[in-house]
Protein backbone atom coordinates (compact mmCIF):
# COMPACT_ATOMS: atom_id res chain seq x y z
CA MET A 1 0.04 0.05 0.12
CA ASN A 2 1.46 3.36 -0.95
CA ASN A 3 1.21 5.82 1.91
CA ASN A 4 0.55 8.66 -0.58
CA SER A 5 -2.39 6.93 -1.94
CA PRO A 6 -5.84 8.39 -1.33
CA HIS A 7 -6.93 4.96 -0.05
CA SER A 8 -4.13 4.81 2.53
CA PRO A 9 -5.11 5.37 6.07
CA ALA A 10 -3.79 8.53 7.84
CA ARG A 11 -0.87 7.53 10.05
CA TYR A 12 0.30 8.54 13.47
CA THR A 13 3.74 10.43 13.69
CA VAL A 14 6.77 8.26 13.88
CA LEU A 15 7.23 9.57 17.56
CA SER A 16 3.72 8.58 18.40
CA ARG A 17 4.20 5.07 16.84
CA ALA A 18 7.51 4.44 18.62
CA LEU A 19 6.02 5.51 22.03
CA HIS A 20 2.98 3.35 21.44
CA TRP A 21 5.02 0.16 20.56
CA VAL A 22 7.55 0.63 23.36
CA MET A 23 4.78 1.14 25.88
CA ALA A 24 2.85 -1.92 24.53
CA VAL A 25 5.98 -4.11 25.06
CA MET A 26 6.41 -2.70 28.57
CA VAL A 27 2.79 -3.17 29.46
CA ILE A 28 2.70 -6.72 28.29
CA ALA A 29 5.95 -7.48 30.17
CA MET A 30 4.45 -5.82 33.21
CA LEU A 31 1.18 -7.87 32.96
CA PHE A 32 3.31 -11.17 32.77
CA ILE A 33 5.43 -9.92 35.75
CA GLY A 34 2.37 -9.13 37.87
CA VAL A 35 0.83 -12.47 37.21
CA ALA A 36 4.07 -14.27 38.01
CA MET A 37 4.45 -12.26 41.28
CA VAL A 38 1.03 -13.45 42.43
CA ALA A 39 1.45 -17.07 41.02
CA SER A 40 5.04 -17.56 42.32
CA PRO A 41 5.49 -16.29 45.90
CA SER A 42 8.99 -17.70 45.87
CA ALA A 43 10.02 -15.42 42.92
CA TYR A 44 8.06 -12.34 44.30
CA HIS A 45 11.11 -10.32 45.48
CA ALA A 46 13.10 -11.06 42.40
CA LEU A 47 10.20 -10.03 40.17
CA LEU A 48 9.59 -6.93 42.34
CA PHE A 49 13.23 -5.84 41.44
CA LEU A 50 11.94 -5.61 37.80
CA HIS A 51 8.23 -4.44 38.60
CA ARG A 52 9.04 -1.29 40.49
CA PRO A 53 11.44 0.36 37.90
CA LEU A 54 9.34 -0.84 34.99
CA GLY A 55 6.20 0.68 36.54
CA ILE A 56 8.06 3.99 37.02
CA ALA A 57 9.21 3.94 33.37
CA ILE A 58 5.59 3.22 32.24
CA LEU A 59 4.44 6.28 34.42
CA ALA A 60 7.17 8.49 32.75
CA LEU A 61 6.25 7.34 29.19
CA VAL A 62 2.57 7.75 29.74
CA VAL A 63 3.04 11.28 30.78
CA VAL A 64 5.30 11.76 27.60
CA ARG A 65 2.69 10.14 25.50
CA PHE A 66 -0.17 12.23 26.84
CA VAL A 67 1.82 15.45 26.15
CA ASN A 68 2.59 14.13 22.71
CA ARG A 69 -1.11 13.42 22.06
CA LEU A 70 -1.96 16.96 23.16
CA LEU A 71 0.63 18.44 20.72
CA ARG A 72 -0.16 16.21 17.77
CA ARG A 73 -3.68 15.34 16.89
CA PRO A 74 -4.32 11.79 16.02
CA PRO A 75 -5.35 10.90 12.47
CA ALA A 76 -9.01 10.65 11.77
CA HIS A 77 -10.73 7.29 12.59
CA SER A 78 -11.27 4.76 9.85
CA ALA A 79 -14.16 5.46 7.51
CA THR A 80 -15.43 1.95 8.34
CA MET A 81 -16.05 2.84 11.98
CA SER A 82 -19.49 4.00 13.04
CA PRO A 83 -19.88 7.09 15.21
CA ALA A 84 -20.53 4.84 18.18
CA GLU A 85 -17.46 2.84 17.54
CA ARG A 86 -15.47 6.10 17.26
CA VAL A 87 -16.84 7.22 20.79
CA VAL A 88 -15.99 3.84 22.13
CA ALA A 89 -12.52 3.85 20.63
CA THR A 90 -11.74 7.34 21.88
CA GLY A 91 -13.12 6.63 25.28
CA SER A 92 -11.12 3.40 25.56
CA GLU A 93 -7.92 5.05 24.54
CA TYR A 94 -8.45 7.76 27.41
CA LEU A 95 -9.27 4.88 29.83
CA LEU A 96 -6.04 3.25 29.05
CA TYR A 97 -4.07 6.56 29.48
CA ALA A 98 -5.70 7.05 32.83
CA LEU A 99 -5.09 3.52 33.97
CA LEU A 100 -1.39 3.43 32.71
CA PHE A 101 -0.91 6.79 34.67
CA ALA A 102 -2.88 5.78 37.87
CA GLN A 103 -1.67 2.18 38.23
CA PRO A 104 2.06 2.99 38.76
CA LEU A 105 1.25 6.16 40.68
CA ILE A 106 -0.84 4.11 43.17
CA GLY A 107 1.97 1.46 43.30
CA TRP A 108 4.47 4.22 44.25
CA ALA A 109 2.00 5.66 46.74
CA MET A 110 1.30 2.08 48.10
CA THR A 111 5.02 1.50 48.52
CA SER A 112 5.55 4.78 50.22
CA ALA A 113 2.65 4.01 52.63
CA ALA A 114 4.37 0.67 53.43
CA GLY A 115 7.41 2.67 54.52
CA THR A 116 9.39 0.93 51.91
CA PRO A 117 11.68 2.78 49.41
CA VAL A 118 11.03 2.59 45.71
CA VAL A 119 14.38 1.19 44.50
CA LEU A 120 14.86 1.92 40.87
CA TYR A 121 18.40 0.47 40.61
CA GLY A 122 21.02 0.24 43.15
CA PRO A 123 21.30 3.34 45.23
CA LEU A 124 18.78 5.10 43.04
CA HIS A 125 15.54 5.37 45.13
CA LEU A 126 12.38 7.64 44.60
CA PRO A 127 11.26 9.75 47.41
CA ALA A 128 8.19 8.58 49.38
CA ILE A 129 5.11 10.43 48.24
CA LEU A 130 2.99 9.47 51.34
CA PRO A 131 3.87 8.92 54.93
CA PRO A 132 3.95 5.35 56.26
CA SER A 133 0.41 4.29 57.11
CA PRO A 134 -0.70 0.58 57.36
CA SER A 135 -4.37 1.41 56.72
CA LEU A 136 -3.57 3.53 53.72
CA TYR A 137 -1.10 0.83 52.51
CA SER A 138 -4.00 -1.73 52.74
CA THR A 139 -6.44 0.42 50.78
CA LEU A 140 -3.91 1.33 48.05
CA ARG A 141 -2.81 -2.33 47.59
CA GLU A 142 -6.48 -3.26 46.97
CA ALA A 143 -6.88 -0.37 44.57
CA HIS A 144 -3.60 -1.38 42.90
CA THR A 145 -5.01 -4.98 42.36
CA VAL A 146 -8.34 -3.90 41.19
CA LEU A 147 -6.69 -1.45 38.67
CA ALA A 148 -4.38 -4.21 37.51
CA TYR A 149 -7.47 -6.32 36.55
CA LEU A 150 -9.08 -3.36 34.93
CA LEU A 151 -6.02 -2.60 32.95
CA PHE A 152 -5.65 -6.20 31.80
CA PHE A 153 -9.30 -6.21 30.57
CA ALA A 154 -8.89 -2.69 28.86
CA PHE A 155 -5.64 -3.76 27.22
CA THR A 156 -7.06 -7.04 25.96
CA ALA A 157 -10.08 -5.27 24.61
CA HIS A 158 -7.92 -2.85 22.81
CA MET A 159 -5.90 -5.69 21.16
CA CYS A 160 -9.13 -7.75 20.31
CA ALA A 161 -10.60 -4.65 18.62
CA VAL A 162 -7.45 -3.95 16.64
CA LEU A 163 -7.24 -7.64 15.57
CA PHE A 164 -10.76 -7.56 14.56
CA HIS A 165 -10.24 -4.64 12.38
CA ALA A 166 -6.94 -6.10 10.87
CA LEU A 167 -8.10 -9.68 10.40
CA VAL A 168 -11.84 -9.55 9.85
CA LEU A 169 -12.64 -6.11 8.38
CA ARG A 170 -9.26 -5.64 6.82
CA ASP A 171 -9.83 -1.83 6.87
CA GLY A 172 -6.22 -0.80 7.30
CA LEU A 173 -6.77 0.47 11.01
CA LEU A 174 -3.54 -1.08 12.11
CA ASP A 175 -1.61 0.73 9.44
CA ARG A 176 -2.37 3.99 11.25
CA MET A 177 -0.01 2.81 14.09
CA ALA A 178 2.23 0.40 12.26
CA PHE A 179 5.80 0.91 11.01
CA TRP A 180 5.02 -1.51 8.22
CA HIS A 181 2.04 -1.41 5.48
CA SER A 182 -0.40 -4.00 5.08
CA THR A 183 -0.05 -6.09 1.89
CA ARG A 184 -3.49 -7.64 2.21
CA PRO A 185 -6.14 -6.35 -0.14
CA LYS A 186 -9.07 -4.56 1.54
CA ARG A 187 -12.49 -6.10 1.31
C-alpha cells in the first residue's frame, strides 16, 4: 500500500508510533510480571526488582505520550467505524491513558505507605510520596490489584478490537500505528 495513495489510512507520527510500541511491550511485560508475582511467591522479591522500575518507566512514558497526544492530533478514525465505534475507541483510549497513569502512581504511593523505598536500581531510590500508614497501604494495595485487573481487561479489549479490524474487516486500521504497511487487499 502506498502511503501517498488516497486510500491509505492517515498515520500517527513516527514519535507517536514509537512511543506506542515501546509502551505496548512494557505493558505486556508488566502484565506477565504481575501475574508471575502472584502465582509464584518464591519469585516475588526477584520480580519486584523488575516490577518497580518498569512501573516508573511506564508512568514516565505515559506522561510523555499524553503530552505528545496533546501536541499532535491523532489521525482521523477509519471510515469503516460507525460514530458509536469512534466514541468507544476514543473513550477506551483515554481509559488506557488514565489506567497507565494511575496504576504506577498508586503502586508508588502504596510502597511509600508501606514505609518501603522505591528502588529503581542500586542506590537510586524515589522519594516517598506518602507517609507510612498501614491502613492507607492496605487500601492502596487493594486499589492497585483492582486497577491491574481493569488494565488487563482494557488492554485485552484494545488488542481484540485492533485484531478484529486487521483480520476480519481488513480496513487498514492497524496501518495507522504500524511501522509497516499492510499487503492484504481490503475487502
